[in-house]
C-alpha atoms as a PDB file:
ATOM      1  CA  MET A   1      -7.777 -21.479   8.212  1.00  0.00           C
ATOM      2  CA  THR A   2      -6.596 -19.714   5.033  1.00  0.00           C
ATOM      3  CA  SER A   3      -2.856 -19.033   4.543  1.00  0.00           C
ATOM      4  CA  LEU A   4      -3.476 -15.303   5.059  1.00  0.00           C
ATOM      5  CA  THR A   5      -5.284 -15.954   8.339  1.00  0.00           C
ATOM      6  CA  VAL A   6      -2.436 -18.186   9.479  1.00  0.00           C
ATOM      7  CA  SER A   7       0.069 -15.399   8.577  1.00  0.00           C
ATOM      8  CA  LEU A   8      -1.871 -12.839  10.450  1.00  0.00           C
ATOM      9  CA  ALA A   9      -2.111 -15.071  13.512  1.00  0.00           C
ATOM     10  CA  ARG A  10       1.611 -15.809  13.343  1.00  0.00           C
ATOM     11  CA  GLY A  11       2.371 -12.067  13.038  1.00  0.00           C
ATOM     12  CA  ALA A  12       0.316 -11.316  16.166  1.00  0.00           C
ATOM     13  CA  LEU A  13       2.220 -13.983  18.093  1.00  0.00           C
ATOM     14  CA  THR A  14       5.741 -13.177  16.843  1.00  0.00           C
ATOM     15  CA  SER A  15       5.636  -9.366  16.834  1.00  0.00           C
ATOM     16  CA  PRO A  16       6.150  -8.951  20.646  1.00  0.00           C
ATOM     17  CA  PHE A  17       9.415 -10.873  20.347  1.00  0.00           C
ATOM     18  CA  LYS A  18      10.910  -8.775  17.559  1.00  0.00           C
ATOM     19  CA  ARG A  19      12.807  -5.522  18.172  1.00  0.00           C
ATOM     20  CA  ALA A  20      13.058  -3.001  15.361  1.00  0.00           C
ATOM     21  CA  GLY A  21      16.271  -1.056  14.956  1.00  0.00           C
ATOM     22  CA  ARG A  22      18.806  -3.818  15.740  1.00  0.00           C
ATOM     23  CA  PRO A  23      22.112  -2.929  14.030  1.00  0.00           C
ATOM     24  CA  ASP A  24      22.651  -6.572  13.080  1.00  0.00           C
ATOM     25  CA  ALA A  25      19.311  -7.061  11.452  1.00  0.00           C
ATOM     26  CA  THR A  26      19.222  -8.941   8.155  1.00  0.00           C
ATOM     27  CA  LEU A  27      16.411  -9.697   5.719  1.00  0.00           C
ATOM     28  CA  PRO A  28      15.300 -13.244   4.780  1.00  0.00           C
ATOM     29  CA  PRO A  29      16.430 -14.413   1.303  1.00  0.00           C
ATOM     30  CA  ALA A  30      13.069 -16.200   0.657  1.00  0.00           C
ATOM     31  CA  ARG A  31      10.968 -15.236  -2.351  1.00  0.00           C
ATOM     32  CA  PRO A  32       7.412 -16.579  -1.853  1.00  0.00           C
ATOM     33  CA  THR A  33       5.674 -17.227  -5.183  1.00  0.00           C
ATOM     34  CA  ARG A  34       2.039 -17.725  -6.140  1.00  0.00           C
ATOM     35  CA  PRO A  35       1.665 -20.034  -9.190  1.00  0.00           C
ATOM     36  CA  ALA A  36       0.025 -18.539 -12.229  1.00  0.00           C
ATOM     37  CA  ALA A  37      -3.698 -18.126 -11.898  1.00  0.00           C
ATOM     38  CA  PRO A  38      -6.409 -15.908 -13.393  1.00  0.00           C
ATOM     39  CA  VAL A  39      -8.059 -13.284 -11.249  1.00  0.00           C
ATOM     40  CA  ALA A  40     -11.307 -14.222  -9.494  1.00  0.00           C
ATOM     41  CA  PRO A  41     -14.136 -12.032 -10.875  1.00  0.00           C
ATOM     42  CA  GLY A  42     -16.038 -11.594  -7.602  1.00  0.00           C
ATOM     43  CA  PRO A  43     -13.220 -10.220  -5.461  1.00  0.00           C
ATOM     44  CA  LEU A  44     -12.066  -7.988  -8.331  1.00  0.00           C
ATOM     45  CA  ALA A  45     -15.568  -6.528  -8.717  1.00  0.00           C
ATOM     46  CA  ALA A  46     -15.695  -5.848  -4.910  1.00  0.00           C
ATOM     47  CA  TYR A  47     -12.347  -4.169  -5.070  1.00  0.00           C
ATOM     48  CA  GLY A  48     -13.452  -2.018  -7.987  1.00  0.00           C
ATOM     49  CA  ARG A  49     -16.550  -0.850  -6.139  1.00  0.00           C
ATOM     50  CA  ILE A  50     -14.820   0.256  -3.007  1.00  0.00           C
ATOM     51  CA  CYS A  51     -11.966   1.904  -4.889  1.00  0.00           C
ATOM     52  CA  GLY A  52     -14.016   3.576  -7.632  1.00  0.00           C
ATOM     53  CA  PHE A  53     -12.811   1.533 -10.633  1.00  0.00           C
ATOM     54  CA  THR A  54     -16.234   1.330 -12.386  1.00  0.00           C
ATOM     55  CA  GLU A  55     -15.183   0.723 -15.977  1.00  0.00           C
ATOM     56  CA  PRO A  56     -14.429  -2.798 -17.319  1.00  0.00           C
ATOM     57  CA  GLY A  57     -11.062  -3.362 -18.901  1.00  0.00           C
ATOM     58  CA  PRO A  58      -7.481  -4.112 -17.723  1.00  0.00           C
ATOM     59  CA  LEU A  59      -6.728  -4.830 -14.123  1.00  0.00           C
ATOM     60  CA  PRO A  60      -6.486  -1.689 -11.965  1.00  0.00           C
ATOM     61  CA  LEU A  61      -2.812  -0.760 -11.505  1.00  0.00           C
ATOM     62  CA  THR A  62      -2.972  -1.303  -7.780  1.00  0.00           C
ATOM     63  CA  TYR A  63      -4.682  -4.749  -7.897  1.00  0.00           C
ATOM     64  CA  PRO A  64      -1.582  -6.974  -8.314  1.00  0.00           C
ATOM     65  CA  HIS A  65      -0.373  -5.459  -5.008  1.00  0.00           C
ATOM     66  CA  VAL A  66      -3.595  -6.764  -3.376  1.00  0.00           C
ATOM     67  CA  LEU A  67      -3.236 -10.211  -4.992  1.00  0.00           C
ATOM     68  CA  ALA A  68       0.336 -10.494  -3.681  1.00  0.00           C
ATOM     69  CA  PHE A  69      -0.556  -9.306  -0.123  1.00  0.00           C
ATOM     70  CA  PRO A  70      -0.798 -12.920   1.302  1.00  0.00           C
ATOM     71  CA  LEU A  71       2.721 -13.568   0.006  1.00  0.00           C
ATOM     72  CA  THR A  72       3.930 -10.340   1.607  1.00  0.00           C
ATOM     73  CA  MET A  73       2.388 -11.249   4.875  1.00  0.00           C
ATOM     74  CA  ARG A  74       3.804 -14.735   4.764  1.00  0.00           C
ATOM     75  CA  LEU A  75       7.260 -13.301   4.439  1.00  0.00           C
ATOM     76  CA  MET A  76       6.875 -10.436   6.866  1.00  0.00           C
ATOM     77  CA  THR A  77       5.421 -12.620   9.595  1.00  0.00           C
ATOM     78  CA  GLY A  78       8.046 -15.340   9.338  1.00  0.00           C
ATOM     79  CA  HIS A  79      10.580 -15.804  12.124  1.00  0.00           C
ATOM     80  CA  ALA A  80      13.468 -14.612   9.910  1.00  0.00           C
ATOM     81  CA  PHE A  81      11.874 -11.226   9.208  1.00  0.00           C
ATOM     82  CA  PRO A  82      13.445  -8.666  11.622  1.00  0.00           C
ATOM     83  CA  LEU A  83      10.567  -6.221  12.123  1.00  0.00           C
ATOM     84  CA  PRO A  84       7.306  -6.731  14.068  1.00  0.00           C
ATOM     85  CA  VAL A  85       4.513  -6.746  11.503  1.00  0.00           C
ATOM     86  CA  LEU A  86       1.868  -5.325  13.911  1.00  0.00           C
ATOM     87  CA  GLY A  87       1.786  -1.588  13.565  1.00  0.00           C
ATOM     88  CA  LEU A  88       3.833  -1.432  10.390  1.00  0.00           C
ATOM     89  CA  VAL A  89       2.823   1.724   8.410  1.00  0.00           C
ATOM     90  CA  HIS A  90       2.919   1.848   4.612  1.00  0.00           C
ATOM     91  CA  THR A  91       4.975   4.933   3.772  1.00  0.00           C
ATOM     92  CA  TRP A  92       5.351   4.917  -0.053  1.00  0.00           C
ATOM     93  CA  ILE A  93       4.890   2.890  -3.213  1.00  0.00           C
ATOM     94  CA  GLU A  94       6.227   2.851  -6.690  1.00  0.00           C
ATOM     95  CA  ILE A  95       4.358   0.887  -9.426  1.00  0.00           C
ATOM     96  CA  THR A  96       5.716   0.133 -12.895  1.00  0.00           C
ATOM     97  CA  PRO A  97       3.210  -1.551 -15.322  1.00  0.00           C
ATOM     98  CA  HIS A  98       5.128  -2.939 -18.299  1.00  0.00           C
ATOM     99  CA  ARG A  99       1.861  -3.457 -20.127  1.00  0.00           C
ATOM    100  CA  ALA A 100      -1.850  -3.647 -19.464  1.00  0.00           C
ATOM    101  CA  VAL A 101      -3.012  -6.947 -17.881  1.00  0.00           C
ATOM    102  CA  ALA A 102      -6.390  -8.545 -18.696  1.00  0.00           C
ATOM    103  CA  PRO A 103      -8.194 -10.088 -15.727  1.00  0.00           C
ATOM    104  CA  GLU A 104      -8.321 -13.500 -17.426  1.00  0.00           C
ATOM    105  CA  GLU A 105      -4.508 -13.648 -17.863  1.00  0.00           C
ATOM    106  CA  PRO A 106      -2.844 -16.109 -15.415  1.00  0.00           C
ATOM    107  CA  LEU A 107      -0.580 -14.018 -13.144  1.00  0.00           C
ATOM    108  CA  GLU A 108       2.429 -15.509 -11.356  1.00  0.00           C
ATOM    109  CA  LEU A 109       3.386 -13.397  -8.327  1.00  0.00           C
ATOM    110  CA  THR A 110       6.666 -13.161  -6.446  1.00  0.00           C
ATOM    111  CA  VAL A 111       7.558 -11.121  -3.361  1.00  0.00           C
ATOM    112  CA  TYR A 112      10.874 -10.445  -1.650  1.00  0.00           C
ATOM    113  CA  ALA A 113      12.350  -8.118   0.959  1.00  0.00           C
ATOM    114  CA  GLU A 114      14.847  -5.857  -0.768  1.00  0.00           C
ATOM    115  CA  LYS A 115      16.509  -3.663   1.905  1.00  0.00           C
ATOM    116  CA  LEU A 116      16.320  -2.036   5.366  1.00  0.00           C
ATOM    117  CA  THR A 117      16.761   1.712   5.604  1.00  0.00           C
ATOM    118  CA  PRO A 118      17.085   4.015   8.674  1.00  0.00           C
ATOM    119  CA  HIS A 119      14.189   6.444   8.828  1.00  0.00           C
ATOM    120  CA  ARG A 120      13.729   9.536  10.951  1.00  0.00           C
ATOM    121  CA  ARG A 121      10.965   7.708  12.846  1.00  0.00           C
ATOM    122  CA  GLY A 122      12.342   4.224  12.948  1.00  0.00           C
ATOM    123  CA  THR A 123      13.322   1.573  10.403  1.00  0.00           C
ATOM    124  CA  GLU A 124      11.881   1.189   6.918  1.00  0.00           C
ATOM    125  CA  VAL A 125      11.791  -2.040   4.868  1.00  0.00           C
ATOM    126  CA  THR A 126      11.481  -2.065   1.086  1.00  0.00           C
ATOM    127  CA  MET A 127       9.297  -4.913  -0.211  1.00  0.00           C
ATOM    128  CA  ALA A 128       9.349  -5.713  -3.957  1.00  0.00           C
ATOM    129  CA  THR A 129       6.645  -7.509  -5.920  1.00  0.00           C
ATOM    130  CA  GLY A 130       6.714  -8.857  -9.463  1.00  0.00           C
ATOM    131  CA  ALA A 131       3.864 -10.162 -11.647  1.00  0.00           C
ATOM    132  CA  ARG A 132       4.534 -12.330 -14.658  1.00  0.00           C
ATOM    133  CA  VAL A 133       2.460 -13.842 -17.500  1.00  0.00           C
ATOM    134  CA  GLY A 134       4.114 -16.814 -19.178  1.00  0.00           C
ATOM    135  CA  GLY A 135       7.468 -15.761 -17.760  1.00  0.00           C
ATOM    136  CA  GLU A 136       7.079 -12.088 -19.027  1.00  0.00           C
ATOM    137  CA  LEU A 137       7.425  -9.449 -16.321  1.00  0.00           C
ATOM    138  CA  VAL A 138       4.224  -7.377 -16.796  1.00  0.00           C
ATOM    139  CA  TRP A 139       3.996  -5.423 -13.548  1.00  0.00           C
ATOM    140  CA  GLU A 140       6.303  -4.616 -10.624  1.00  0.00           C
ATOM    141  CA  SER A 141       6.189  -2.501  -7.468  1.00  0.00           C
ATOM    142  CA  ARG A 142       8.307  -1.446  -4.574  1.00  0.00           C
ATOM    143  CA  SER A 143       6.830  -0.321  -1.207  1.00  0.00           C
ATOM    144  CA  GLY A 144       8.208   1.101   2.040  1.00  0.00           C
ATOM    145  CA  TYR A 145       6.903  -0.046   5.358  1.00  0.00           C
ATOM    146  CA  LEU A 146       7.880   1.786   8.560  1.00  0.00           C
ATOM    147  CA  SER A 147       8.422   0.238  11.936  1.00  0.00           C
ATOM    148  CA  ARG A 148       8.316   3.101  14.361  1.00  0.00           C
ATOM    149  CA  HIS A 149      10.850   3.234  17.239  1.00  0.00           C
ATOM    150  CA  ALA A 150      13.154   5.749  18.908  1.00  0.00           C
ATOM    151  CA  THR A 151      15.983   6.824  16.678  1.00  0.00           C
ATOM    152  CA  THR A 152      18.543   9.620  16.246  1.00  0.00           C
ATOM    153  CA  ASP A 153      18.449   9.412  12.428  1.00  0.00           C
ATOM    154  CA  ALA A 154      16.931  12.548  10.939  1.00  0.00           C
ATOM    155  CA  ALA A 155      17.278  11.624   7.279  1.00  0.00           C
ATOM    156  CA  PRO A 156      14.147  12.123   5.197  1.00  0.00           C
ATOM    157  CA  SER A 157      12.730   9.472   2.932  1.00  0.00           C
ATOM    158  CA  PRO A 158      14.569   9.293  -0.365  1.00  0.00           C
ATOM    159  CA  HIS A 159      11.338   8.525  -2.235  1.00  0.00           C
ATOM    160  CA  SER A 160       9.509  11.848  -1.814  1.00  0.00           C
ATOM    161  CA  PRO A 161       7.858  13.197  -5.010  1.00  0.00           C
ATOM    162  CA  PRO A 162       8.309  16.923  -5.697  1.00  0.00           C
ATOM    163  CA  ASP A 163       6.389  18.992  -3.167  1.00  0.00           C
ATOM    164  CA  THR A 164       4.136  21.005  -5.502  1.00  0.00           C
ATOM    165  CA  VAL A 165       0.777  20.005  -4.067  1.00  0.00           C
ATOM    166  CA  GLY A 166      -0.119  23.472  -2.774  1.00  0.00           C
ATOM    167  CA  ASP A 167      -0.835  24.707  -6.290  1.00  0.00           C
ATOM    168  CA  LEU A 168      -2.884  21.712  -7.450  1.00  0.00           C
ATOM    169  CA  PRO A 169      -6.565  22.521  -8.029  1.00  0.00           C
ATOM    170  CA  ALA A 170      -9.264  20.494  -6.265  1.00  0.00           C
ATOM    171  CA  VAL A 171     -10.989  17.932  -8.495  1.00  0.00           C
ATOM    172  CA  ALA A 172     -13.279  15.903  -6.142  1.00  0.00           C
ATOM    173  CA  GLU A 173     -14.317  15.664  -2.488  1.00  0.00           C
ATOM    174  CA  TRP A 174     -14.926  12.376  -0.769  1.00  0.00           C
ATOM    175  CA  ARG A 175     -16.622  11.631   2.538  1.00  0.00           C
ATOM    176  CA  LEU A 176     -14.969   8.599   4.078  1.00  0.00           C
ATOM    177  CA  PRO A 177     -16.977   6.526   6.591  1.00  0.00           C
ATOM    178  CA  GLY A 178     -15.618   5.337   9.903  1.00  0.00           C
ATOM    179  CA  ASP A 179     -15.793   1.686   8.790  1.00  0.00           C
ATOM    180  CA  LEU A 180     -13.809   2.193   5.534  1.00  0.00           C
ATOM    181  CA  GLY A 181     -10.758   0.429   7.010  1.00  0.00           C
ATOM    182  CA  ARG A 182     -12.802  -2.598   7.859  1.00  0.00           C
ATOM    183  CA  ARG A 183     -14.562  -2.674   4.481  1.00  0.00           C
ATOM    184  CA  TYR A 184     -11.328  -2.324   2.562  1.00  0.00           C
ATOM    185  CA  GLY A 185      -9.627  -4.870   4.807  1.00  0.00           C
ATOM    186  CA  ALA A 186     -12.363  -7.405   3.984  1.00  0.00           C
ATOM    187  CA  VAL A 187     -11.737  -6.850   0.221  1.00  0.00           C
ATOM    188  CA  SER A 188      -7.891  -6.667   0.338  1.00  0.00           C
ATOM    189  CA  GLY A 189      -7.071  -8.964   3.258  1.00  0.00           C
ATOM    190  CA  ASP A 190      -5.096  -6.265   4.955  1.00  0.00           C
ATOM    191  CA  ARG A 191      -6.477  -6.290   8.492  1.00  0.00           C
ATOM    192  CA  ASN A 192      -3.699  -4.397  10.223  1.00  0.00           C
ATOM    193  CA  PRO A 193      -5.238  -3.278  13.584  1.00  0.00           C
ATOM    194  CA  ILE A 194      -4.451   0.420  12.872  1.00  0.00           C
ATOM    195  CA  HIS A 195      -7.124   0.346  10.151  1.00  0.00           C
ATOM    196  CA  LEU A 196      -9.921  -1.550  11.873  1.00  0.00           C
ATOM    197  CA  HIS A 197     -11.142   0.172  15.012  1.00  0.00           C
ATOM    198  CA  PRO A 198     -10.239   3.144  17.216  1.00  0.00           C
ATOM    199  CA  LEU A 199      -9.362   0.881  20.192  1.00  0.00           C
ATOM    200  CA  THR A 200      -6.908  -1.189  18.154  1.00  0.00           C
ATOM    201  CA  ALA A 201      -5.487   1.888  16.435  1.00  0.00           C
ATOM    202  CA  ARG A 202      -4.772   3.573  19.815  1.00  0.00           C
ATOM    203  CA  LEU A 203      -2.538   0.622  20.718  1.00  0.00           C
ATOM    204  CA  PHE A 204      -0.160   1.906  17.989  1.00  0.00           C
ATOM    205  CA  GLY A 205      -0.414   5.620  18.698  1.00  0.00           C
ATOM    206  CA  PHE A 206      -3.285   6.661  16.428  1.00  0.00           C
ATOM    207  CA  PRO A 207      -6.315   8.394  17.978  1.00  0.00           C
ATOM    208  CA  ARG A 208      -8.697   6.748  15.479  1.00  0.00           C
ATOM    209  CA  ALA A 209      -8.580   4.077  12.829  1.00  0.00           C
ATOM    210  CA  ILE A 210      -6.775   5.233   9.699  1.00  0.00           C
ATOM    211  CA  ALA A 211      -7.532   4.566   6.028  1.00  0.00           C
ATOM    212  CA  HIS A 212      -5.305   2.146   4.191  1.00  0.00           C
ATOM    213  CA  GLY A 213      -2.647   3.880   2.104  1.00  0.00           C
ATOM    214  CA  MET A 214      -3.321   1.538  -0.790  1.00  0.00           C
ATOM    215  CA  TRP A 215      -6.991   2.528  -0.786  1.00  0.00           C
ATOM    216  CA  THR A 216      -6.034   6.239  -1.058  1.00  0.00           C
ATOM    217  CA  VAL A 217      -3.712   5.535  -4.003  1.00  0.00           C
ATOM    218  CA  ALA A 218      -6.268   3.347  -5.732  1.00  0.00           C
ATOM    219  CA  ARG A 219      -9.050   5.876  -5.225  1.00  0.00           C
ATOM    220  CA  CYS A 220      -6.903   8.683  -6.582  1.00  0.00           C
ATOM    221  CA  LEU A 221      -5.942   6.623  -9.643  1.00  0.00           C
ATOM    222  CA  ALA A 222      -9.548   5.713 -10.231  1.00  0.00           C
ATOM    223  CA  GLU A 223     -10.503   9.363 -10.154  1.00  0.00           C
ATOM    224  CA  ALA A 224      -7.620  10.289 -12.462  1.00  0.00           C
ATOM    225  CA  GLY A 225      -9.108   8.166 -15.311  1.00  0.00           C
ATOM    226  CA  PRO A 226      -7.981   5.279 -17.553  1.00  0.00           C
ATOM    227  CA  GLY A 227      -4.522   3.954 -16.756  1.00  0.00           C
ATOM    228  CA  ALA A 228      -3.701   1.954 -19.880  1.00  0.00           C
ATOM    229  CA  ASP A 229      -1.094   4.487 -20.917  1.00  0.00           C
ATOM    230  CA  ILE A 230       0.498   4.937 -17.475  1.00  0.00           C
ATOM    231  CA  ARG A 231       4.206   4.009 -17.410  1.00  0.00           C
ATOM    232  CA  SER A 232       4.824   4.515 -13.684  1.00  0.00           C
ATOM    233  CA  VAL A 233       3.124   5.741 -10.495  1.00  0.00           C
ATOM    234  CA  ARG A 234       4.888   6.980  -7.406  1.00  0.00           C
ATOM    235  CA  ALA A 235       3.121   8.042  -4.156  1.00  0.00           C
ATOM    236  CA  GLU A 236       4.141   8.956  -0.637  1.00  0.00           C
ATOM    237  CA  PHE A 237       1.810   8.796   2.330  1.00  0.00           C
ATOM    238  CA  ARG A 238       2.501  12.011   4.215  1.00  0.00           C
ATOM    239  CA  ALA A 239      -0.101  11.922   7.049  1.00  0.00           C
ATOM    240  CA  PRO A 240      -2.656   9.302   8.073  1.00  0.00           C
ATOM    241  CA  VAL A 241      -6.329   9.813   7.191  1.00  0.00           C
ATOM    242  CA  LEU A 242      -8.162   9.510  10.442  1.00  0.00           C
ATOM    243  CA  LEU A 243     -11.577   7.930   9.926  1.00  0.00           C
ATOM    244  CA  PRO A 244     -14.233   9.226   9.397  1.00  0.00           C
ATOM    245  CA  ALA A 245     -12.967  12.056   7.266  1.00  0.00           C
ATOM    246  CA  THR A 246     -13.656  14.436   4.377  1.00  0.00           C
ATOM    247  CA  VAL A 247     -10.780  14.648   1.892  1.00  0.00           C
ATOM    248  CA  THR A 248     -10.135  16.471  -1.309  1.00  0.00           C
ATOM    249  CA  PHE A 249      -8.504  14.908  -4.402  1.00  0.00           C
ATOM    250  CA  ALA A 250      -6.343  17.526  -6.278  1.00  0.00           C
ATOM    251  CA  ALA A 251      -4.515  17.030  -9.567  1.00  0.00           C
ATOM    252  CA  ASP A 252      -2.643  18.871 -12.298  1.00  0.00           C
ATOM    253  CA  PRO A 253      -5.112  19.362 -15.169  1.00  0.00           C
ATOM    254  CA  ALA A 254      -2.310  18.524 -17.603  1.00  0.00           C
ATOM    255  CA  GLY A 255      -1.578  15.320 -15.767  1.00  0.00           C
ATOM    256  CA  GLY A 256       1.373  14.268 -13.648  1.00  0.00           C
ATOM    257  CA  ALA A 257       1.148  15.407 -10.015  1.00  0.00           C
ATOM    258  CA  PHE A 258      -1.793  14.548  -7.723  1.00  0.00           C
ATOM    259  CA  ALA A 259      -2.539  14.834  -4.009  1.00  0.00           C
ATOM    260  CA  LEU A 260      -5.032  14.002  -1.284  1.00  0.00           C
ATOM    261  CA  ARG A 261      -5.727  16.851   1.148  1.00  0.00           C
ATOM    262  CA  GLY A 262      -7.696  16.915   4.406  1.00  0.00           C
ATOM    263  CA  ALA A 263      -9.093  19.553   6.693  1.00  0.00           C
ATOM    264  CA  LYS A 264      -7.215  22.892   6.679  1.00  0.00           C
ATOM    265  CA  GLY A 265      -5.143  21.793   3.764  1.00  0.00           C
ATOM    266  CA  ARG A 266      -3.346  18.980   5.501  1.00  0.00           C
ATOM    267  CA  VAL A 267      -1.602  16.837   2.947  1.00  0.00           C
ATOM    268  CA  HIS A 268      -2.236  13.061   3.292  1.00  0.00           C
ATOM    269  CA  LEU A 269      -0.732  11.840   0.037  1.00  0.00           C
ATOM    270  CA  VAL A 270       1.327  13.224  -2.808  1.00  0.00           C
ATOM    271  CA  GLY A 271       2.105  11.435  -6.046  1.00  0.00           C
ATOM    272  CA  THR A 272       3.090  11.576  -9.620  1.00  0.00           C
ATOM    273  CA  VAL A 273       1.951   9.678 -12.705  1.00  0.00           C
ATOM    274  CA  THR A 274       4.150   9.238 -15.724  1.00  0.00           C
ATOM    275  CA  ARG A 275       2.433   8.572 -19.049  1.00  0.00           C
END
C-alpha cells in the first residue's frame, strides 16, 4: 500500500473516535517533510489536462498543494490530530509564489498545522505548506479546513475576499460531469468521500457529490492566463458545486477579482489575484 492509501485508511478508522469542538483540543507539533525531488511528468500532465493548464512552462500555482497532499493527510489522520478527517471541507486557500518553479527543479515540501479557529459552522484548522529548492522558500500556502459540528459561534471567516462578485462579467461557461470528483481524486490523491459518489456524499450532508475546491481554484487560474507574474492568490469556497453542474467563470477584465457562479447566480467561489 502507498503511504497515501495508508493515511486514508487510518483516517477512516480514527475519525469515528475524534470529536470536533473540544475546548482542550491542541494541534500536533509534527512537520512532515518530503525530501527534494523533481516533479513526475506523467502525473503533472494529467493534472494539467483536467484543470485546463495546457501550456508548457512553470508549475501551475496550485500544483505544490497537490504534491504536498500526502504529507497533509499523514498529519491530519494521525492520532494526535484533533479533528476527524472524514467530511472535512476545504473552506479557503491563500497561495504565495515567491518565484516561478520549473518542473525539473527538486522540490522539498513541508506541512504543519498552524492553528484552530472557531467557525460559525464548527471548527476550522489552518494547514500551512512550504516548498523549497536548495533551501530557498519558493512557494507557500495556507488553507482552512472545516469540521462541521453544532456551535454557538456566529463569527464569519476572517479570510473572506471583498464581496464584489456581482459586478464581474462572465468570461467562460463550463459543464462539469458527475464523475469530476472521482477523476480529479485519481489525479490529486484527494479521495474524500464527499467528492466521489452521491451515496458517500450524503453521509456527510450533501445531496450529491461535490467538486473539489482545489479543482475550482486551479480551473479558474488556468482560465485567467499565465501566472508567472502572480504574487499572491486568495480564494474562498462559498458554496459547494454539486455534480453534475454548469458553472460560469467571471473575472475583472483589468485583473484582480474572479468568481465561479452557478445556477441563478449562486456564488461558489470568490477570489483575488495580486500581480
